[in-house]
Amino acid sequence: MSARPPASAAGTATGGELEYVGFWPRLAAQVVDSLWLTPIIMVLGWKLVQAGPDLSEQLLRDPASISVTALMSEMAPSPLDFVIQYLVPAILILVFWMLKNATPGKMLLHAKIVDATTGEAPTRGQLVIRYLGYYVSILTFFLGFLWIAVDPRKQGFHDKLANTVVVRPKPVVSFPGRSPR
C-alpha cells in the first residue's frame, strides 16, 4: 500500500496536499475531546445521583441502620451507568464523525477521517467499526493507539479495522522573498 494520503480526500478542494496525522497531534485531539465529553458525562451522572435515594445522608445520620447489602447495591453499576459512561460518549462521537468526519479535537487540527482507499467520507458502518476498534486498541494494552506512531499511514488498529485514515492539509512553508515551487 502507498504511504501517500488518498488524492481525493476531503480537503483537497483548496488544492493543497494532504498528510497523515501522527500520534502526538491525535493524542492532543483526544485530550481536547475528553475536555468537552467529561463535563457532559459528569452532569448526567450527577443528575442520576440526585434522582436516586440519598444513601450518603442516611450514612451520616445513622451508619448502623444501613445494611451491607444496601451499601453494595448502591455501589453496583446500574444499566443507566452503562448508558451514561459508554453509550452517550459513543453516540456523541459517532454523530460528530458522521456530520463532520471529525471530533472537535480533530477539527482544531483541521484533520478529517476518510476512507483509506477512496479518500471519501467513510460509511456509517466504517465509523461504527472504527469506534468499536477503539476497544480493540485499548484491550491490547493501548498498543492499537501506539501503533499510530510507527505505521507508515499513521493508522491505529481501529483505523485498520475500519479501513480509514486521518488526514489534514499539509502546511505550506514559504520563506520571505522566495516564491514556493
N, C-alpha and C. Protein backbone atom coordinates (compact mmCIF):
# COMPACT_ATOMS: atom_id res chain seq x y z
N MET A 1 0.83 -1.19 0.00
CA MET A 1 0.00 0.00 0.00
C MET A 1 0.87 1.25 0.00
N SER A 2 0.36 2.28 -0.57
CA SER A 2 1.08 3.54 -0.67
C SER A 2 1.10 4.26 0.68
N ALA A 3 2.16 5.00 0.91
CA ALA A 3 2.26 5.78 2.14
C ALA A 3 1.76 7.20 1.91
N ARG A 4 1.19 7.46 0.73
CA ARG A 4 0.65 8.78 0.42
C ARG A 4 -0.83 8.81 0.73
N PRO A 5 -1.33 9.92 1.29
CA PRO A 5 -2.76 10.04 1.54
C PRO A 5 -3.54 9.97 0.24
N PRO A 6 -4.77 9.48 0.29
CA PRO A 6 -5.59 9.42 -0.92
C PRO A 6 -5.72 10.80 -1.56
N ALA A 7 -5.55 10.86 -2.85
CA ALA A 7 -5.58 12.14 -3.57
C ALA A 7 -6.95 12.80 -3.52
N SER A 8 -8.01 12.00 -3.45
CA SER A 8 -9.34 12.58 -3.49
C SER A 8 -9.91 12.87 -2.11
N ALA A 9 -9.08 12.83 -1.08
CA ALA A 9 -9.57 13.03 0.29
C ALA A 9 -10.18 14.41 0.45
N ALA A 10 -11.19 14.48 1.31
CA ALA A 10 -11.84 15.75 1.59
C ALA A 10 -10.79 16.74 2.07
N GLY A 11 -10.85 17.93 1.57
CA GLY A 11 -9.87 18.93 1.99
C GLY A 11 -8.95 19.32 0.84
N THR A 12 -8.98 18.55 -0.26
CA THR A 12 -8.14 18.90 -1.39
C THR A 12 -8.80 19.94 -2.27
N ALA A 13 -10.02 20.34 -1.89
CA ALA A 13 -10.70 21.36 -2.67
C ALA A 13 -9.90 22.66 -2.68
N THR A 14 -9.08 22.85 -1.66
CA THR A 14 -8.24 24.04 -1.61
C THR A 14 -7.01 23.88 -2.49
N GLY A 15 -6.82 22.68 -3.03
CA GLY A 15 -5.70 22.45 -3.92
C GLY A 15 -4.44 22.01 -3.22
N GLY A 16 -4.44 21.97 -1.91
CA GLY A 16 -3.24 21.61 -1.17
C GLY A 16 -3.07 20.11 -1.03
N GLU A 17 -1.84 19.74 -0.67
CA GLU A 17 -1.57 18.33 -0.43
C GLU A 17 -2.03 17.96 0.98
N LEU A 18 -2.23 16.66 1.17
CA LEU A 18 -2.63 16.16 2.48
C LEU A 18 -1.51 15.37 3.12
N GLU A 19 -1.54 15.30 4.43
CA GLU A 19 -0.60 14.47 5.16
C GLU A 19 -1.37 13.63 6.18
N TYR A 20 -0.81 12.48 6.52
CA TYR A 20 -1.39 11.67 7.58
C TYR A 20 -1.11 12.35 8.91
N VAL A 21 -2.05 12.26 9.83
CA VAL A 21 -1.90 12.86 11.14
C VAL A 21 -1.33 11.82 12.09
N GLY A 22 -0.23 12.15 12.72
CA GLY A 22 0.51 11.22 13.55
C GLY A 22 0.01 11.11 14.99
N PHE A 23 0.79 10.41 15.77
CA PHE A 23 0.42 10.05 17.14
C PHE A 23 0.21 11.27 18.04
N TRP A 24 1.18 12.17 18.13
CA TRP A 24 1.09 13.28 19.08
C TRP A 24 -0.05 14.23 18.78
N PRO A 25 -0.26 14.66 17.53
CA PRO A 25 -1.42 15.53 17.27
C PRO A 25 -2.74 14.81 17.58
N ARG A 26 -2.81 13.52 17.28
CA ARG A 26 -4.05 12.79 17.57
C ARG A 26 -4.26 12.63 19.06
N LEU A 27 -3.18 12.47 19.82
CA LEU A 27 -3.29 12.42 21.27
C LEU A 27 -3.80 13.76 21.80
N ALA A 28 -3.28 14.86 21.26
CA ALA A 28 -3.75 16.19 21.65
C ALA A 28 -5.25 16.35 21.33
N ALA A 29 -5.66 15.86 20.17
CA ALA A 29 -7.08 15.93 19.80
C ALA A 29 -7.92 15.12 20.78
N GLN A 30 -7.41 13.98 21.22
CA GLN A 30 -8.13 13.14 22.18
C GLN A 30 -8.28 13.85 23.53
N VAL A 31 -7.26 14.58 23.93
CA VAL A 31 -7.33 15.35 25.18
C VAL A 31 -8.42 16.42 25.06
N VAL A 32 -8.45 17.12 23.93
CA VAL A 32 -9.49 18.13 23.70
C VAL A 32 -10.87 17.48 23.75
N ASP A 33 -11.01 16.33 23.11
CA ASP A 33 -12.30 15.64 23.11
C ASP A 33 -12.70 15.20 24.52
N SER A 34 -11.74 14.81 25.32
CA SER A 34 -12.03 14.44 26.70
C SER A 34 -12.51 15.65 27.49
N LEU A 35 -11.97 16.82 27.17
CA LEU A 35 -12.35 18.03 27.88
C LEU A 35 -13.79 18.46 27.63
N TRP A 36 -14.34 18.16 26.46
CA TRP A 36 -15.74 18.51 26.24
C TRP A 36 -16.68 17.36 26.59
N LEU A 37 -16.21 16.12 26.50
CA LEU A 37 -17.06 14.98 26.85
C LEU A 37 -17.22 14.79 28.36
N THR A 38 -16.16 15.00 29.11
CA THR A 38 -16.19 14.74 30.55
C THR A 38 -17.26 15.55 31.27
N PRO A 39 -17.39 16.86 31.03
CA PRO A 39 -18.46 17.59 31.73
C PRO A 39 -19.86 17.07 31.41
N ILE A 40 -20.08 16.65 30.17
CA ILE A 40 -21.39 16.12 29.80
C ILE A 40 -21.68 14.85 30.60
N ILE A 41 -20.71 13.97 30.66
CA ILE A 41 -20.87 12.71 31.39
C ILE A 41 -21.03 12.99 32.89
N MET A 42 -20.27 13.95 33.41
CA MET A 42 -20.37 14.29 34.84
C MET A 42 -21.74 14.85 35.19
N VAL A 43 -22.26 15.74 34.35
CA VAL A 43 -23.58 16.32 34.62
C VAL A 43 -24.66 15.24 34.58
N LEU A 44 -24.59 14.37 33.58
CA LEU A 44 -25.57 13.28 33.51
C LEU A 44 -25.46 12.36 34.72
N GLY A 45 -24.24 12.05 35.12
CA GLY A 45 -24.02 11.22 36.30
C GLY A 45 -24.51 11.89 37.56
N TRP A 46 -24.29 13.20 37.67
CA TRP A 46 -24.74 13.95 38.84
C TRP A 46 -26.26 13.95 38.91
N LYS A 47 -26.91 14.12 37.76
CA LYS A 47 -28.39 14.07 37.71
C LYS A 47 -28.88 12.69 38.14
N LEU A 48 -28.17 11.67 37.74
CA LEU A 48 -28.54 10.30 38.11
C LEU A 48 -28.44 10.12 39.62
N VAL A 49 -27.38 10.63 40.23
CA VAL A 49 -27.19 10.51 41.67
C VAL A 49 -28.28 11.30 42.41
N GLN A 50 -28.62 12.47 41.91
CA GLN A 50 -29.66 13.28 42.54
C GLN A 50 -31.01 12.60 42.48
N ALA A 51 -31.27 11.87 41.41
CA ALA A 51 -32.57 11.22 41.24
C ALA A 51 -32.73 10.00 42.14
N GLY A 52 -31.62 9.40 42.55
CA GLY A 52 -31.67 8.18 43.35
C GLY A 52 -31.82 8.47 44.83
N PRO A 53 -32.00 7.42 45.64
CA PRO A 53 -32.10 7.60 47.08
C PRO A 53 -30.78 8.11 47.64
N ASP A 54 -30.88 8.97 48.63
CA ASP A 54 -29.67 9.57 49.17
C ASP A 54 -29.15 8.72 50.33
N LEU A 55 -28.38 7.73 50.01
CA LEU A 55 -27.80 6.83 51.00
C LEU A 55 -26.73 7.53 51.83
N SER A 56 -26.07 8.54 51.23
CA SER A 56 -25.00 9.23 51.95
C SER A 56 -25.53 9.98 53.17
N GLU A 57 -26.70 10.61 53.04
CA GLU A 57 -27.29 11.30 54.19
C GLU A 57 -27.63 10.31 55.30
N GLN A 58 -28.20 9.20 54.94
CA GLN A 58 -28.54 8.18 55.92
C GLN A 58 -27.27 7.63 56.57
N LEU A 59 -26.21 7.49 55.79
CA LEU A 59 -24.94 7.01 56.33
C LEU A 59 -24.39 7.98 57.38
N LEU A 60 -24.54 9.27 57.13
CA LEU A 60 -24.07 10.27 58.08
C LEU A 60 -24.93 10.33 59.34
N ARG A 61 -26.26 10.18 59.17
CA ARG A 61 -27.17 10.24 60.32
C ARG A 61 -27.08 9.01 61.20
N ASP A 62 -27.18 7.84 60.58
CA ASP A 62 -27.21 6.60 61.36
C ASP A 62 -26.54 5.48 60.57
N PRO A 63 -25.21 5.40 60.62
CA PRO A 63 -24.49 4.39 59.84
C PRO A 63 -24.89 2.96 60.16
N ALA A 64 -25.29 2.71 61.38
CA ALA A 64 -25.64 1.34 61.78
C ALA A 64 -26.94 0.87 61.13
N SER A 65 -27.75 1.80 60.64
CA SER A 65 -29.04 1.41 60.06
C SER A 65 -28.92 0.91 58.62
N ILE A 66 -27.74 1.08 58.03
CA ILE A 66 -27.56 0.67 56.63
C ILE A 66 -26.96 -0.72 56.60
N SER A 67 -27.62 -1.59 55.85
CA SER A 67 -27.10 -2.96 55.73
C SER A 67 -25.99 -3.01 54.69
N VAL A 68 -25.17 -4.01 54.80
CA VAL A 68 -24.09 -4.21 53.83
C VAL A 68 -24.69 -4.44 52.45
N THR A 69 -25.80 -5.15 52.38
CA THR A 69 -26.47 -5.42 51.10
C THR A 69 -26.91 -4.12 50.44
N ALA A 70 -27.49 -3.20 51.22
CA ALA A 70 -27.93 -1.91 50.67
C ALA A 70 -26.73 -1.11 50.17
N LEU A 71 -25.66 -1.14 50.93
CA LEU A 71 -24.45 -0.42 50.54
C LEU A 71 -23.85 -1.00 49.27
N MET A 72 -23.79 -2.31 49.17
CA MET A 72 -23.24 -2.97 47.98
C MET A 72 -24.12 -2.71 46.75
N SER A 73 -25.45 -2.73 46.94
CA SER A 73 -26.33 -2.50 45.79
C SER A 73 -26.21 -1.05 45.31
N GLU A 74 -25.93 -0.13 46.24
CA GLU A 74 -25.73 1.26 45.86
C GLU A 74 -24.46 1.43 45.05
N MET A 75 -23.44 0.64 45.36
CA MET A 75 -22.15 0.75 44.68
C MET A 75 -22.12 -0.02 43.36
N ALA A 76 -23.02 -0.95 43.18
CA ALA A 76 -23.03 -1.74 41.95
C ALA A 76 -23.47 -0.87 40.77
N PRO A 77 -22.81 -1.04 39.63
CA PRO A 77 -23.20 -0.25 38.46
C PRO A 77 -24.59 -0.64 37.97
N SER A 78 -25.34 0.36 37.57
CA SER A 78 -26.68 0.11 37.05
C SER A 78 -26.65 0.19 35.52
N PRO A 79 -27.72 -0.25 34.88
CA PRO A 79 -27.78 -0.10 33.41
C PRO A 79 -27.67 1.36 32.98
N LEU A 80 -28.17 2.26 33.82
CA LEU A 80 -28.07 3.68 33.49
C LEU A 80 -26.62 4.16 33.52
N ASP A 81 -25.81 3.57 34.42
CA ASP A 81 -24.38 3.88 34.45
C ASP A 81 -23.74 3.52 33.11
N PHE A 82 -24.10 2.36 32.58
CA PHE A 82 -23.57 1.90 31.29
C PHE A 82 -23.96 2.91 30.20
N VAL A 83 -25.22 3.34 30.22
CA VAL A 83 -25.70 4.29 29.21
C VAL A 83 -24.90 5.59 29.28
N ILE A 84 -24.71 6.11 30.50
CA ILE A 84 -24.03 7.40 30.66
C ILE A 84 -22.54 7.29 30.34
N GLN A 85 -21.90 6.22 30.78
CA GLN A 85 -20.46 6.13 30.62
C GLN A 85 -20.00 5.59 29.27
N TYR A 86 -20.83 4.80 28.60
CA TYR A 86 -20.39 4.18 27.35
C TYR A 86 -21.26 4.58 26.15
N LEU A 87 -22.56 4.52 26.31
CA LEU A 87 -23.44 4.77 25.17
C LEU A 87 -23.49 6.25 24.78
N VAL A 88 -23.62 7.15 25.77
CA VAL A 88 -23.68 8.59 25.46
C VAL A 88 -22.40 9.05 24.74
N PRO A 89 -21.20 8.74 25.28
CA PRO A 89 -20.00 9.17 24.54
C PRO A 89 -19.93 8.56 23.14
N ALA A 90 -20.31 7.29 22.99
CA ALA A 90 -20.28 6.66 21.67
C ALA A 90 -21.19 7.39 20.70
N ILE A 91 -22.39 7.72 21.15
CA ILE A 91 -23.34 8.42 20.28
C ILE A 91 -22.79 9.80 19.91
N LEU A 92 -22.27 10.54 20.89
CA LEU A 92 -21.75 11.88 20.60
C LEU A 92 -20.59 11.83 19.61
N ILE A 93 -19.67 10.92 19.83
CA ILE A 93 -18.51 10.79 18.92
C ILE A 93 -18.98 10.40 17.52
N LEU A 94 -19.85 9.41 17.44
CA LEU A 94 -20.32 8.94 16.13
C LEU A 94 -21.09 10.04 15.40
N VAL A 95 -21.87 10.83 16.11
CA VAL A 95 -22.60 11.93 15.46
C VAL A 95 -21.61 12.94 14.87
N PHE A 96 -20.58 13.30 15.63
CA PHE A 96 -19.56 14.21 15.09
C PHE A 96 -18.88 13.59 13.88
N TRP A 97 -18.51 12.32 13.98
CA TRP A 97 -17.84 11.67 12.85
C TRP A 97 -18.73 11.65 11.63
N MET A 98 -20.04 11.38 11.81
CA MET A 98 -20.95 11.29 10.67
C MET A 98 -21.24 12.65 10.05
N LEU A 99 -21.29 13.69 10.88
CA LEU A 99 -21.60 15.03 10.36
C LEU A 99 -20.38 15.78 9.87
N LYS A 100 -19.25 15.63 10.56
CA LYS A 100 -18.07 16.44 10.26
C LYS A 100 -16.83 15.63 9.87
N ASN A 101 -16.91 14.30 9.92
CA ASN A 101 -15.76 13.42 9.70
C ASN A 101 -14.65 13.70 10.70
N ALA A 102 -14.99 14.28 11.82
CA ALA A 102 -14.01 14.63 12.85
C ALA A 102 -14.73 14.96 14.15
N THR A 103 -13.99 14.90 15.23
CA THR A 103 -14.47 15.38 16.52
C THR A 103 -13.96 16.80 16.70
N PRO A 104 -14.42 17.52 17.71
CA PRO A 104 -13.89 18.88 17.91
C PRO A 104 -12.36 18.93 18.02
N GLY A 105 -11.77 17.94 18.66
CA GLY A 105 -10.31 17.90 18.77
C GLY A 105 -9.64 17.78 17.41
N LYS A 106 -10.16 16.92 16.56
CA LYS A 106 -9.60 16.78 15.21
C LYS A 106 -9.87 18.04 14.38
N MET A 107 -11.04 18.65 14.60
CA MET A 107 -11.36 19.88 13.85
C MET A 107 -10.36 20.99 14.17
N LEU A 108 -9.91 21.06 15.42
CA LEU A 108 -8.88 22.06 15.78
C LEU A 108 -7.59 21.84 15.00
N LEU A 109 -7.32 20.60 14.63
CA LEU A 109 -6.13 20.26 13.85
C LEU A 109 -6.37 20.33 12.35
N HIS A 110 -7.61 20.63 11.97
CA HIS A 110 -8.02 20.60 10.55
C HIS A 110 -7.90 19.19 9.99
N ALA A 111 -8.08 18.20 10.84
CA ALA A 111 -7.95 16.80 10.44
C ALA A 111 -9.33 16.19 10.19
N LYS A 112 -9.35 15.22 9.30
CA LYS A 112 -10.59 14.50 8.98
C LYS A 112 -10.31 13.02 8.87
N ILE A 113 -11.34 12.25 9.18
CA ILE A 113 -11.29 10.80 8.99
C ILE A 113 -11.83 10.54 7.59
N VAL A 114 -11.07 9.79 6.79
CA VAL A 114 -11.51 9.46 5.44
C VAL A 114 -11.30 7.97 5.18
N ASP A 115 -11.98 7.47 4.17
CA ASP A 115 -11.79 6.09 3.73
C ASP A 115 -10.36 5.96 3.21
N ALA A 116 -9.65 4.95 3.65
CA ALA A 116 -8.24 4.79 3.30
C ALA A 116 -8.04 4.47 1.82
N THR A 117 -9.04 3.92 1.16
CA THR A 117 -8.91 3.55 -0.24
C THR A 117 -9.31 4.68 -1.17
N THR A 118 -10.48 5.29 -0.89
CA THR A 118 -11.03 6.28 -1.82
C THR A 118 -10.73 7.72 -1.43
N GLY A 119 -10.47 7.97 -0.14
CA GLY A 119 -10.27 9.33 0.32
C GLY A 119 -11.58 10.06 0.56
N GLU A 120 -12.69 9.38 0.34
CA GLU A 120 -14.01 9.97 0.57
C GLU A 120 -14.41 9.78 2.02
N ALA A 121 -15.54 10.36 2.38
CA ALA A 121 -16.06 10.19 3.74
C ALA A 121 -16.34 8.71 3.99
N PRO A 122 -15.99 8.22 5.17
CA PRO A 122 -16.27 6.82 5.48
C PRO A 122 -17.77 6.57 5.59
N THR A 123 -18.16 5.34 5.40
CA THR A 123 -19.57 4.97 5.57
C THR A 123 -19.89 4.92 7.06
N ARG A 124 -21.17 4.91 7.37
CA ARG A 124 -21.57 4.79 8.78
C ARG A 124 -21.07 3.48 9.37
N GLY A 125 -21.11 2.43 8.58
CA GLY A 125 -20.61 1.14 9.04
C GLY A 125 -19.13 1.21 9.39
N GLN A 126 -18.35 1.87 8.55
CA GLN A 126 -16.92 2.03 8.83
C GLN A 126 -16.70 2.80 10.13
N LEU A 127 -17.52 3.82 10.36
CA LEU A 127 -17.35 4.63 11.56
C LEU A 127 -17.71 3.85 12.82
N VAL A 128 -18.75 3.02 12.74
CA VAL A 128 -19.11 2.18 13.88
C VAL A 128 -18.00 1.17 14.15
N ILE A 129 -17.48 0.55 13.10
CA ILE A 129 -16.36 -0.40 13.26
C ILE A 129 -15.15 0.33 13.85
N ARG A 130 -14.90 1.55 13.39
CA ARG A 130 -13.77 2.33 13.91
C ARG A 130 -13.93 2.59 15.40
N TYR A 131 -15.16 2.96 15.81
CA TYR A 131 -15.39 3.21 17.23
C TYR A 131 -15.20 1.93 18.05
N LEU A 132 -15.78 0.84 17.59
CA LEU A 132 -15.61 -0.44 18.30
C LEU A 132 -14.14 -0.86 18.30
N GLY A 133 -13.42 -0.47 17.26
CA GLY A 133 -11.99 -0.76 17.18
C GLY A 133 -11.19 -0.06 18.27
N TYR A 134 -11.73 1.03 18.82
CA TYR A 134 -11.08 1.69 19.96
C TYR A 134 -10.90 0.68 21.10
N TYR A 135 -11.91 -0.15 21.31
CA TYR A 135 -11.82 -1.14 22.39
C TYR A 135 -10.74 -2.18 22.10
N VAL A 136 -10.59 -2.54 20.83
CA VAL A 136 -9.50 -3.44 20.44
C VAL A 136 -8.16 -2.77 20.74
N SER A 137 -8.06 -1.50 20.38
CA SER A 137 -6.83 -0.75 20.63
C SER A 137 -6.52 -0.63 22.12
N ILE A 138 -7.56 -0.50 22.93
CA ILE A 138 -7.39 -0.39 24.38
C ILE A 138 -7.05 -1.74 24.99
N LEU A 139 -7.77 -2.78 24.58
CA LEU A 139 -7.60 -4.10 25.19
C LEU A 139 -6.24 -4.73 24.87
N THR A 140 -5.55 -4.20 23.91
CA THR A 140 -4.19 -4.68 23.60
C THR A 140 -3.17 -3.81 24.32
N PHE A 141 -3.53 -3.38 25.54
CA PHE A 141 -2.67 -2.52 26.36
C PHE A 141 -2.28 -1.25 25.61
N PHE A 142 -3.24 -0.69 24.89
CA PHE A 142 -3.10 0.56 24.14
C PHE A 142 -2.13 0.47 22.97
N LEU A 143 -1.70 -0.73 22.64
CA LEU A 143 -0.82 -0.92 21.50
C LEU A 143 -1.47 -0.43 20.21
N GLY A 144 -2.79 -0.57 20.12
CA GLY A 144 -3.51 -0.12 18.93
C GLY A 144 -3.39 1.37 18.68
N PHE A 145 -3.25 2.15 19.76
CA PHE A 145 -3.05 3.59 19.62
C PHE A 145 -1.57 3.91 19.39
N LEU A 146 -0.71 3.21 20.09
CA LEU A 146 0.73 3.44 19.93
C LEU A 146 1.20 3.09 18.52
N TRP A 147 0.48 2.17 17.88
CA TRP A 147 0.81 1.75 16.51
C TRP A 147 0.81 2.93 15.55
N ILE A 148 0.02 3.96 15.86
CA ILE A 148 -0.05 5.15 15.01
C ILE A 148 1.34 5.75 14.82
N ALA A 149 2.16 5.69 15.86
CA ALA A 149 3.50 6.31 15.82
C ALA A 149 4.45 5.61 14.85
N VAL A 150 4.23 4.32 14.58
CA VAL A 150 5.17 3.58 13.72
C VAL A 150 4.60 3.19 12.37
N ASP A 151 3.32 3.31 12.20
CA ASP A 151 2.68 2.90 10.95
C ASP A 151 2.94 3.95 9.86
N PRO A 152 3.29 3.52 8.64
CA PRO A 152 3.57 4.49 7.57
C PRO A 152 2.37 5.38 7.22
N ARG A 153 1.16 4.85 7.39
CA ARG A 153 -0.04 5.63 7.10
C ARG A 153 -0.67 6.19 8.37
N LYS A 154 0.04 6.07 9.49
CA LYS A 154 -0.40 6.59 10.79
C LYS A 154 -1.77 6.02 11.19
N GLN A 155 -1.97 4.74 10.91
CA GLN A 155 -3.22 4.07 11.26
C GLN A 155 -3.06 3.31 12.57
N GLY A 156 -4.04 3.50 13.47
CA GLY A 156 -4.13 2.67 14.65
C GLY A 156 -4.90 1.41 14.29
N PHE A 157 -5.00 0.48 15.23
CA PHE A 157 -5.75 -0.75 14.96
C PHE A 157 -7.18 -0.42 14.55
N HIS A 158 -7.78 0.57 15.20
CA HIS A 158 -9.16 0.95 14.90
C HIS A 158 -9.27 1.46 13.45
N ASP A 159 -8.25 2.17 12.97
CA ASP A 159 -8.25 2.63 11.58
C ASP A 159 -8.11 1.45 10.62
N LYS A 160 -7.22 0.53 10.96
CA LYS A 160 -7.00 -0.62 10.08
C LYS A 160 -8.26 -1.47 9.98
N LEU A 161 -8.94 -1.67 11.13
CA LEU A 161 -10.18 -2.47 11.12
C LEU A 161 -11.26 -1.82 10.25
N ALA A 162 -11.33 -0.50 10.28
CA ALA A 162 -12.37 0.22 9.54
C ALA A 162 -11.92 0.70 8.16
N ASN A 163 -10.65 0.47 7.81
CA ASN A 163 -10.08 0.96 6.55
C ASN A 163 -10.23 2.48 6.43
N THR A 164 -9.78 3.18 7.49
CA THR A 164 -9.81 4.64 7.49
C THR A 164 -8.42 5.19 7.77
N VAL A 165 -8.22 6.45 7.43
CA VAL A 165 -7.01 7.19 7.79
C VAL A 165 -7.44 8.57 8.26
N VAL A 166 -6.57 9.22 9.00
CA VAL A 166 -6.82 10.59 9.44
C VAL A 166 -5.82 11.47 8.71
N VAL A 167 -6.36 12.46 7.99
CA VAL A 167 -5.53 13.34 7.17
C VAL A 167 -5.84 14.79 7.48
N ARG A 168 -4.90 15.65 7.09
CA ARG A 168 -5.10 17.10 7.20
C ARG A 168 -4.29 17.76 6.10
N PRO A 169 -4.61 19.02 5.79
CA PRO A 169 -3.81 19.73 4.77
C PRO A 169 -2.36 19.85 5.23
N LYS A 170 -1.47 19.59 4.31
CA LYS A 170 -0.04 19.71 4.60
C LYS A 170 0.31 21.19 4.67
N PRO A 171 1.02 21.59 5.72
CA PRO A 171 1.37 23.01 5.81
C PRO A 171 2.30 23.42 4.68
N VAL A 172 2.06 24.59 4.16
CA VAL A 172 2.91 25.14 3.10
C VAL A 172 3.93 26.03 3.77
N VAL A 173 5.19 25.72 3.55
CA VAL A 173 6.27 26.51 4.13
C VAL A 173 6.77 27.48 3.08
N SER A 174 6.75 28.74 3.43
CA SER A 174 7.29 29.73 2.49
C SER A 174 8.24 30.64 3.26
N PHE A 175 9.24 31.09 2.55
CA PHE A 175 10.23 31.97 3.13
C PHE A 175 10.05 33.36 2.54
N PRO A 176 10.22 34.40 3.35
CA PRO A 176 10.07 35.76 2.83
C PRO A 176 11.00 36.02 1.64
N GLY A 177 10.44 36.58 0.60
CA GLY A 177 11.25 36.93 -0.57
C GLY A 177 11.43 35.79 -1.56
N ARG A 178 10.92 34.60 -1.24
CA ARG A 178 11.04 33.47 -2.17
C ARG A 178 9.66 32.94 -2.48
N SER A 179 9.45 32.60 -3.71
CA SER A 179 8.14 32.03 -4.08
C SER A 179 8.21 30.52 -3.94
N PRO A 180 7.09 29.90 -3.48
CA PRO A 180 7.09 28.44 -3.36
C PRO A 180 7.18 27.78 -4.72
N ARG A 181 7.81 26.63 -4.77
CA ARG A 181 7.98 25.92 -6.06
C ARG A 181 6.83 25.05 -6.34
